[in-house]
Amino acid sequence: MLTLGGALLAASACAAEPAPAVPAFVPMETVLSADCWGAFADDVLQAVRDCRKADGTRIALQVADAEAGPARAGFDARCAGARCADLAQLLQVAPQRRLLLRTPPRRIDAVLAAVQAASAGARVAIEPQLQRPQGASAPIALAQGVRYWRSARSTPAPAMLHIAQIDLRTPGLELVGTPGDRSGGKEFVATPTSAFVREHGLALAINADYFLPFDGGRLLDKAFVPLAGSGVTAEGLAISDGRLASDTRTEDARVDGAFCAGARGARIVRGGCPRGTRVGIGAGPLLLLDGKRQPREASRAAYYDEREPRTALGLDAARQTLWLVVVDGRQPHYSEGMTLDELSAVFEQLGARSAMNLDGGGSSTMAARVDGQVRVLNSSIHTGIPGRERPVANQLGIRARP
């Protein structure tokens, strides 16, 4: 078992891993670089190998923040030259050392993979570093026809909103759905939204359908967390490039609508998409149709009325402006999320005439290409860790000219 910020996380190569138990946090004794070797060191591998004060305590190292690739760690965030080394090498240093790895949230999965490969879970602790956007921001252009901004609200509860406004009339702009992939034995292969942006050359994307084994971002009766690359099943319609990846059949009563885009433009409808749809997403419940708030079935009232992380989309009356909204949640005093009534009000204020809720909870993610680098714009909350991104079944993306 691997210590992760005071919680235990199973290191497993299976298609799914047990959800972490959360014991009380216990501060860890650490040995900082200067305390260990007593002088400025230029070679992190040699310094960790030669540390004479490490018995029974931990050496603290900083994991480099990078968009992708194998995990690297060193003395500081710059991680330059020999002062930084591949984590795989550091974990093989003899004698074996107990390490505390201070880790940016987006590198947690890469660090877990390296620790698992080295069978080092018993001697390595991971300390996630909190990296959350602060305050409202002015709109910025991510690409032609794509604008993004943050809105911070304090009442009736703290909420951080991430809003993308898409001008669907923009030349060269294209909506992109996740292609079906049955290589994992199911409809899709679980993929982080940031990886979807990177792999498909997109300007921006959000998570889309509910999927199994998750239920609105919460675990079902069997506590499993999907690993990237594992097979998952969408709960609702999914169409990509005109091909049906998942049909409308579902037992989830929340799924009552669809977002459909094709030659006749984009629309939000009750039920499924018409023929000719190029990109389709099925989810719900519907928030607005023709400017009117929509009734909701009663069996999931708690899901509707509790403040949770949310992902949703909306269209204006002319169906020429698309809004994608992600609300951070489950982070007290920062952003607690929104109820569906509060989310409906957001779309009314934006000027939407139709709007639909998508998968939320720990799945809620907005990722974009900013200054050439792919970033998660919101503070995701996968496995209770702020900033950790969840692999999800499918996404809705925007491809646009820079």
Protein backbone atom coordinates (compact mmCIF):
# COMPACT_ATOMS: atom_id res chain seq x y z
CA MET A 1 0.00 0.00 0.00
CA LEU A 2 1.22 3.47 -0.86
CA THR A 3 0.85 6.47 1.41
CA LEU A 4 -0.78 9.33 -0.48
CA GLY A 5 -1.27 12.58 1.42
CA GLY A 6 -2.43 10.74 4.54
CA ALA A 7 -4.55 8.23 2.61
CA LEU A 8 -3.80 4.72 1.39
CA LEU A 9 -3.97 3.96 -2.31
CA ALA A 10 -3.62 0.47 -3.74
CA ALA A 11 -0.98 0.12 -6.46
CA SER A 12 -2.52 -2.34 -8.92
CA ALA A 13 -1.97 -3.18 -12.55
CA CYS A 14 -5.59 -4.33 -12.92
CA ALA A 15 -8.17 -2.52 -15.01
CA ALA A 16 -9.60 -1.05 -11.82
CA GLU A 17 -8.16 -0.35 -8.39
CA PRO A 18 -9.87 -0.23 -4.98
CA ALA A 19 -10.92 3.22 -3.86
CA PRO A 20 -8.59 4.57 -1.14
CA ALA A 21 -9.46 4.38 2.52
CA VAL A 22 -8.94 7.68 4.30
CA PRO A 23 -7.35 7.32 7.76
CA ALA A 24 -6.45 10.27 9.94
CA PHE A 25 -3.57 12.32 8.55
CA VAL A 26 -0.24 11.66 10.30
CA PRO A 27 2.58 14.19 9.76
CA MET A 28 5.68 12.54 8.29
CA GLU A 29 9.21 13.17 9.49
CA THR A 30 11.37 14.23 6.60
CA VAL A 31 15.02 14.83 5.91
CA LEU A 32 15.48 17.87 3.71
CA SER A 33 18.41 18.05 1.33
CA ALA A 34 20.59 20.47 3.28
CA ASP A 35 20.02 18.59 6.55
CA CYS A 36 21.14 15.37 4.95
CA TRP A 37 24.33 16.13 3.09
CA GLY A 38 25.17 19.42 4.77
CA ALA A 39 26.28 21.17 1.62
CA PHE A 40 25.05 22.23 -1.79
CA ALA A 41 24.79 19.13 -3.98
CA ASP A 42 24.73 19.05 -7.76
CA ASP A 43 23.81 15.39 -8.30
CA VAL A 44 20.51 14.23 -6.80
CA LEU A 45 21.19 10.53 -7.38
CA GLN A 46 24.55 10.72 -5.61
CA ALA A 47 23.16 12.86 -2.81
CA VAL A 48 20.30 10.45 -2.08
CA ARG A 49 22.71 7.52 -2.22
CA ASP A 50 25.16 9.19 0.20
CA CYS A 51 22.63 10.56 2.69
CA ARG A 52 23.75 9.42 6.17
CA LYS A 53 20.81 10.71 8.17
CA ALA A 54 18.06 8.91 6.31
CA ASP A 55 17.60 5.90 8.58
CA GLY A 56 14.01 5.81 9.82
CA THR A 57 13.09 9.13 8.24
CA ARG A 58 12.17 10.32 4.77
CA ILE A 59 14.09 12.28 2.17
CA ALA A 60 11.85 14.93 0.64
CA LEU A 61 12.12 15.48 -3.11
CA GLN A 62 10.17 17.68 -5.50
CA VAL A 63 8.54 16.03 -8.51
CA ALA A 64 8.87 18.16 -11.64
CA ASP A 65 5.68 19.57 -13.09
CA ALA A 66 5.47 18.46 -16.72
CA GLU A 67 2.69 18.01 -19.25
CA ALA A 68 3.51 14.34 -19.87
CA GLY A 69 6.28 11.76 -19.83
CA PRO A 70 8.02 9.76 -17.09
CA ALA A 71 8.13 11.31 -13.63
CA ARG A 72 11.30 13.17 -12.63
CA ALA A 73 12.29 14.48 -9.21
CA GLY A 74 15.01 16.61 -7.71
CA PHE A 75 15.96 19.28 -5.23
CA ASP A 76 13.58 21.97 -6.46
CA ALA A 77 10.79 22.71 -8.91
CA ARG A 78 13.17 23.67 -11.72
CA CYS A 79 14.50 20.11 -11.89
CA ALA A 80 17.51 21.06 -14.04
CA GLY A 81 20.55 19.01 -15.01
CA ALA A 82 21.88 16.41 -12.58
CA ARG A 83 19.91 18.13 -9.82
CA CYS A 84 16.96 16.24 -11.32
CA ALA A 85 16.68 12.53 -12.18
CA ASP A 86 14.15 10.04 -13.46
CA LEU A 87 12.07 8.84 -10.53
CA ALA A 88 12.62 5.26 -11.71
CA GLN A 89 16.37 5.74 -11.11
CA LEU A 90 15.87 7.35 -7.71
CA LEU A 91 13.73 4.44 -6.60
CA GLN A 92 16.54 2.01 -7.49
CA VAL A 93 19.21 3.79 -5.42
CA ALA A 94 21.02 1.45 -3.02
CA PRO A 95 20.66 1.41 -0.11
CA GLN A 96 16.93 1.87 -0.58
CA ARG A 97 15.62 5.14 0.85
CA ARG A 98 12.30 6.20 2.31
CA LEU A 99 11.07 9.11 0.22
CA LEU A 100 8.48 11.85 0.46
CA LEU A 101 7.60 12.99 -3.05
CA ARG A 102 5.99 16.44 -3.23
CA THR A 103 3.89 16.03 -6.33
CA PRO A 104 1.88 18.38 -8.58
CA PRO A 105 -1.62 16.89 -8.96
CA ARG A 106 -1.30 16.21 -12.70
CA ARG A 107 1.82 14.09 -12.07
CA ILE A 108 0.30 11.85 -9.38
CA ASP A 109 -0.59 9.04 -11.78
CA ALA A 110 2.89 9.05 -13.36
CA VAL A 111 4.45 8.91 -9.89
CA LEU A 112 2.14 6.07 -8.86
CA ALA A 113 3.15 4.13 -11.97
CA ALA A 114 6.87 4.55 -11.22
CA VAL A 115 6.47 3.56 -7.58
CA GLN A 116 4.39 0.54 -8.52
CA ALA A 117 6.93 -0.59 -11.13
CA ALA A 118 9.68 -0.41 -8.49
CA SER A 119 7.57 -2.23 -5.85
CA ALA A 120 8.38 0.70 -3.58
CA GLY A 121 4.95 1.45 -2.13
CA ALA A 122 5.98 0.54 1.44
CA ARG A 123 8.71 3.19 1.57
CA VAL A 124 7.34 6.05 -0.53
CA ALA A 125 4.84 8.72 0.49
CA ILE A 126 3.24 11.12 -1.99
CA GLU A 127 2.29 14.61 -0.86
CA PRO A 128 -0.09 16.20 -3.40
CA GLN A 129 0.58 19.91 -3.84
CA LEU A 130 -2.45 22.14 -3.93
CA GLN A 131 -2.68 24.05 -7.22
CA ARG A 132 -6.03 25.78 -7.64
CA PRO A 133 -6.99 28.83 -9.70
CA GLN A 134 -7.84 31.78 -7.51
CA GLY A 135 -10.51 34.41 -8.11
CA ALA A 136 -12.38 35.55 -11.17
CA SER A 137 -10.58 36.22 -14.44
CA ALA A 138 -11.22 38.34 -17.50
CA PRO A 139 -12.13 36.46 -20.71
CA ILE A 140 -9.19 35.24 -22.78
CA ALA A 141 -9.14 33.87 -26.33
CA LEU A 142 -7.97 30.26 -26.41
CA ALA A 143 -8.47 29.99 -30.17
CA GLN A 144 -10.58 31.60 -32.88
CA GLY A 145 -14.18 31.54 -31.63
CA VAL A 146 -13.25 30.13 -28.19
CA ARG A 147 -13.20 32.33 -25.08
CA TYR A 148 -12.66 31.25 -21.47
CA TRP A 149 -13.06 32.92 -18.10
CA ARG A 150 -13.52 32.13 -14.41
CA SER A 151 -16.30 33.40 -12.19
CA ALA A 152 -15.93 33.20 -8.40
CA ARG A 153 -19.07 33.32 -6.25
CA SER A 154 -19.43 33.52 -2.49
CA THR A 155 -23.19 33.16 -2.04
CA PRO A 156 -25.17 31.10 -1.30
CA ALA A 157 -21.96 29.02 -1.00
CA PRO A 158 -18.43 29.36 -2.38
CA ALA A 159 -18.29 28.31 -6.04
CA MET A 160 -15.61 28.56 -8.72
CA LEU A 161 -17.04 28.45 -12.25
CA HIS A 162 -15.06 27.79 -15.42
CA ILE A 163 -16.89 29.05 -18.50
CA ALA A 164 -16.03 28.57 -22.16
CA GLN A 165 -18.04 30.47 -24.78
CA ILE A 166 -17.94 29.03 -28.30
CA ASP A 167 -19.03 30.94 -31.41
CA LEU A 168 -20.27 28.09 -33.62
CA ARG A 169 -20.25 30.35 -36.70
CA THR A 170 -16.44 30.63 -36.61
CA PRO A 171 -14.75 29.38 -39.82
CA GLY A 172 -12.74 26.23 -39.20
CA LEU A 173 -14.31 25.53 -35.81
CA GLU A 174 -15.32 21.90 -35.28
CA LEU A 175 -17.05 19.97 -32.49
CA VAL A 176 -15.32 16.67 -31.66
CA GLY A 177 -16.66 13.67 -29.75
CA THR A 178 -14.60 10.84 -28.32
CA PRO A 179 -14.44 7.92 -30.79
CA GLY A 180 -15.65 4.57 -29.51
CA ASP A 181 -12.86 2.17 -28.54
CA ARG A 182 -13.66 -1.43 -27.67
CA SER A 183 -10.05 -2.50 -27.12
CA GLY A 184 -10.77 -2.60 -23.38
CA GLY A 185 -13.77 -4.87 -23.89
CA LYS A 186 -16.38 -2.11 -23.50
CA GLU A 187 -17.61 0.95 -25.41
CA PHE A 188 -14.75 3.29 -24.48
CA VAL A 189 -11.30 3.28 -22.93
CA ALA A 190 -11.08 5.57 -19.90
CA THR A 191 -9.00 8.63 -20.81
CA PRO A 192 -8.23 11.88 -18.96
CA THR A 193 -9.77 14.89 -20.68
CA SER A 194 -6.37 16.60 -20.92
CA ALA A 195 -5.05 13.58 -22.85
CA PHE A 196 -8.06 13.82 -25.20
CA VAL A 197 -7.19 17.48 -25.91
CA ARG A 198 -3.56 16.59 -26.52
CA GLU A 199 -4.15 13.53 -28.71
CA HIS A 200 -6.76 15.16 -30.96
CA GLY A 201 -5.17 18.59 -31.34
CA LEU A 202 -8.05 20.41 -29.65
CA ALA A 203 -8.41 23.88 -28.20
CA LEU A 204 -10.62 22.77 -25.31
CA ALA A 205 -12.71 19.86 -24.02
CA ILE A 206 -14.99 18.84 -21.16
CA ASN A 207 -16.07 15.46 -19.81
CA ALA A 208 -19.40 14.23 -21.15
CA ASP A 209 -21.54 11.12 -20.48
CA TYR A 210 -22.17 9.35 -17.21
CA PHE A 211 -20.35 6.03 -17.24
CA LEU A 212 -19.97 2.79 -15.37
CA PRO A 213 -18.62 1.98 -12.80
CA PHE A 214 -19.39 5.58 -11.78
CA ASP A 215 -22.73 7.13 -10.91
CA GLY A 216 -22.68 10.90 -11.31
CA GLY A 217 -19.05 11.06 -10.27
CA ARG A 218 -19.62 8.90 -7.17
CA LEU A 219 -18.70 5.26 -6.77
CA LEU A 220 -21.32 2.57 -7.15
CA ASP A 221 -21.73 -0.21 -4.61
CA LYS A 222 -18.37 -1.70 -5.56
CA ALA A 223 -15.69 0.86 -4.82
CA PHE A 224 -13.52 0.81 -7.94
CA VAL A 225 -11.66 3.64 -9.58
CA PRO A 226 -11.11 3.32 -13.35
CA LEU A 227 -7.52 3.45 -14.48
CA ALA A 228 -6.57 5.21 -17.69
CA GLY A 229 -6.82 2.60 -20.43
CA SER A 230 -9.45 0.43 -18.75
CA GLY A 231 -12.72 -0.35 -20.49
CA VAL A 232 -15.80 1.65 -19.46
CA THR A 233 -19.41 1.89 -20.63
CA ALA A 234 -21.23 5.17 -21.31
CA GLU A 235 -24.67 5.59 -19.76
CA GLY A 236 -26.40 7.25 -22.69
CA LEU A 237 -25.95 8.34 -26.27
CA ALA A 238 -22.49 8.95 -27.72
CA ILE A 239 -21.87 9.78 -31.38
CA SER A 240 -18.48 10.68 -32.83
CA ASP A 241 -17.88 11.68 -36.45
CA GLY A 242 -21.31 10.32 -37.34
CA ARG A 243 -20.60 6.91 -35.80
CA LEU A 244 -22.66 5.53 -32.93
CA ALA A 245 -20.39 4.59 -30.01
CA SER A 246 -23.13 4.17 -27.39
CA ASP A 247 -26.90 4.03 -27.92
CA THR A 248 -29.66 5.66 -25.89
CA ARG A 249 -30.49 2.58 -23.82
CA THR A 250 -29.85 3.25 -20.13
CA GLU A 251 -31.43 2.54 -16.77
CA ASP A 252 -30.28 5.91 -15.43
CA ALA A 253 -33.39 8.08 -15.00
CA ARG A 254 -31.30 11.27 -15.08
CA VAL A 255 -30.49 10.73 -18.76
CA ASP A 256 -33.41 12.47 -20.46
CA GLY A 257 -31.78 14.58 -23.16
CA ALA A 258 -29.05 14.93 -25.74
CA PHE A 259 -26.76 17.49 -27.31
CA CYS A 260 -26.70 16.95 -31.08
CA ALA A 261 -24.55 18.65 -33.71
CA GLY A 262 -24.62 18.13 -37.47
CA ALA A 263 -25.23 19.81 -40.80
CA ARG A 264 -28.29 21.60 -39.40
CA GLY A 265 -26.34 23.05 -36.50
CA ALA A 266 -26.34 22.24 -32.79
CA ARG A 267 -29.34 21.66 -30.56
CA ILE A 268 -30.32 20.29 -27.16
CA VAL A 269 -33.30 17.95 -27.30
CA ARG A 270 -35.36 15.69 -25.10
CA GLY A 271 -34.63 12.07 -26.03
CA GLY A 272 -32.12 11.08 -28.70
CA CYS A 273 -30.47 12.78 -31.66
CA PRO A 274 -31.90 12.84 -35.21
CA ARG A 275 -30.31 11.22 -38.24
CA GLY A 276 -27.42 13.16 -39.64
CA THR A 277 -25.93 13.93 -36.22
CA ARG A 278 -22.13 14.11 -36.40
CA VAL A 279 -21.46 14.59 -32.68
CA GLY A 280 -23.91 13.56 -29.97
CA ILE A 281 -23.83 13.44 -26.17
CA GLY A 282 -26.61 11.94 -24.05
CA ALA A 283 -26.94 13.00 -20.42
CA GLY A 284 -29.20 15.01 -18.17
CA PRO A 285 -31.28 16.03 -16.54
CA LEU A 286 -32.28 18.78 -18.93
CA LEU A 287 -32.01 22.16 -17.23
CA LEU A 288 -33.65 24.48 -19.81
CA LEU A 289 -35.67 24.03 -23.00
CA ASP A 290 -37.07 27.02 -24.90
CA GLY A 291 -36.06 29.20 -21.97
CA LYS A 292 -38.09 27.23 -19.43
CA ARG A 293 -36.74 25.23 -16.52
CA GLN A 294 -37.50 21.55 -16.91
CA PRO A 295 -39.17 19.21 -14.39
CA ARG A 296 -37.03 16.40 -12.98
CA GLU A 297 -37.95 12.89 -11.95
CA ALA A 298 -38.11 12.51 -8.16
CA SER A 299 -35.99 9.42 -7.50
CA ARG A 300 -32.68 11.32 -7.61
CA ALA A 301 -33.71 14.43 -5.67
CA ALA A 302 -30.60 14.31 -3.49
CA TYR A 303 -28.36 14.38 -6.57
CA TYR A 304 -30.19 17.45 -7.84
CA ASP A 305 -30.38 19.36 -4.56
CA GLU A 306 -26.93 18.76 -3.10
CA ARG A 307 -24.02 21.01 -4.01
CA GLU A 308 -21.64 18.98 -6.14
CA PRO A 309 -19.02 19.53 -8.85
CA ARG A 310 -20.93 20.00 -12.10
CA THR A 311 -20.36 19.92 -15.85
CA ALA A 312 -23.03 21.26 -18.20
CA LEU A 313 -23.59 22.91 -21.58
CA GLY A 314 -26.06 25.38 -23.04
CA LEU A 315 -27.09 27.08 -26.29
CA ASP A 316 -28.55 30.50 -27.07
CA ALA A 317 -31.87 30.94 -28.89
CA ALA A 318 -30.17 31.13 -32.31
CA ARG A 319 -28.12 28.01 -31.52
CA GLN A 320 -24.99 29.88 -32.58
CA THR A 321 -23.36 30.30 -29.16
CA LEU A 322 -22.41 27.29 -27.05
CA TRP A 323 -21.45 27.59 -23.39
CA LEU A 324 -19.49 24.87 -21.61
CA VAL A 325 -19.50 25.23 -17.82
CA VAL A 326 -17.59 23.35 -15.11
CA VAL A 327 -18.17 24.12 -11.43
CA ASP A 328 -15.56 22.92 -8.93
CA GLY A 329 -16.88 21.28 -5.78
CA ARG A 330 -16.24 19.18 -2.65
CA GLN A 331 -13.55 21.69 -1.64
CA PRO A 332 -14.74 23.54 1.50
CA HIS A 333 -14.11 27.29 1.67
CA TYR A 334 -12.91 27.22 -1.96
CA SER A 335 -15.73 25.79 -4.05
CA GLU A 336 -18.52 23.61 -2.72
CA GLY A 337 -20.26 23.05 -6.06
CA MET A 338 -23.80 23.87 -7.12
CA THR A 339 -27.30 22.42 -7.01
CA LEU A 340 -29.01 21.95 -10.36
CA ASP A 341 -31.29 24.92 -9.67
CA GLU A 342 -28.21 27.09 -9.08
CA LEU A 343 -26.65 25.70 -12.26
CA SER A 344 -29.83 26.49 -14.23
CA ALA A 345 -29.61 30.08 -13.01
CA VAL A 346 -26.04 30.33 -14.33
CA PHE A 347 -27.20 29.44 -17.84
CA GLU A 348 -30.10 31.87 -17.62
CA GLN A 349 -27.64 34.62 -16.70
CA LEU A 350 -25.39 33.68 -19.62
CA GLY A 351 -28.34 34.00 -22.00
CA ALA A 352 -28.92 30.33 -22.77
CA ARG A 353 -32.34 29.14 -23.94
CA SER A 354 -31.51 25.45 -23.60
CA ALA A 355 -29.09 23.70 -21.24
CA MET A 356 -28.27 20.17 -20.09
CA ASN A 357 -26.40 18.71 -17.14
CA LEU A 358 -23.58 16.23 -17.86
CA ASP A 359 -21.58 13.85 -15.66
CA GLY A 360 -20.23 15.64 -12.61
CA GLY A 361 -18.57 14.97 -9.28
CA GLY A 362 -14.97 13.83 -9.53
CA SER A 363 -15.42 13.53 -13.30
CA SER A 364 -15.94 17.28 -13.84
CA THR A 365 -13.03 18.51 -15.95
CA MET A 366 -12.27 21.32 -18.37
CA ALA A 367 -8.94 21.07 -20.18
CA ALA A 368 -7.51 23.41 -22.80
CA ARG A 369 -4.44 24.31 -24.79
CA VAL A 370 -2.98 27.50 -23.31
CA ASP A 371 0.16 29.05 -24.82
CA GLY A 372 0.89 25.77 -26.54
CA GLN A 373 0.60 23.66 -23.38
CA VAL A 374 -2.35 21.46 -22.40
CA ARG A 375 -3.68 22.33 -18.95
CA VAL A 376 -6.60 21.34 -16.76
CA LEU A 377 -8.30 24.68 -16.11
CA ASN A 378 -10.42 23.67 -13.12
CA SER A 379 -9.62 21.98 -9.81
CA SER A 380 -10.81 18.41 -10.36
CA ILE A 381 -11.44 16.27 -7.27
CA HIS A 382 -10.71 12.66 -8.31
CA THR A 383 -10.38 10.28 -5.29
CA GLY A 384 -10.79 13.28 -3.00
CA ILE A 385 -7.54 14.94 -4.11
CA PRO A 386 -7.96 18.53 -5.38
CA GLY A 387 -6.32 18.87 -8.77
CA ARG A 388 -6.18 15.16 -9.59
CA GLU A 389 -7.81 14.40 -12.94
CA ARG A 390 -10.09 11.41 -13.47
CA PRO A 391 -10.01 9.23 -16.60
CA VAL A 392 -13.55 9.32 -18.04
CA ALA A 393 -15.48 7.53 -20.78
CA ASN A 394 -15.91 10.32 -23.32
CA GLN A 395 -15.57 14.03 -23.93
CA LEU A 396 -16.90 16.89 -26.01
CA GLY A 397 -14.08 18.87 -27.59
CA ILE A 398 -13.53 21.97 -29.71
CA ARG A 399 -11.06 22.07 -32.57
CA ALA A 400 -10.34 25.61 -33.76
CA ARG A 401 -7.69 27.69 -35.46
CA PRO A 402 -5.16 29.35 -33.12
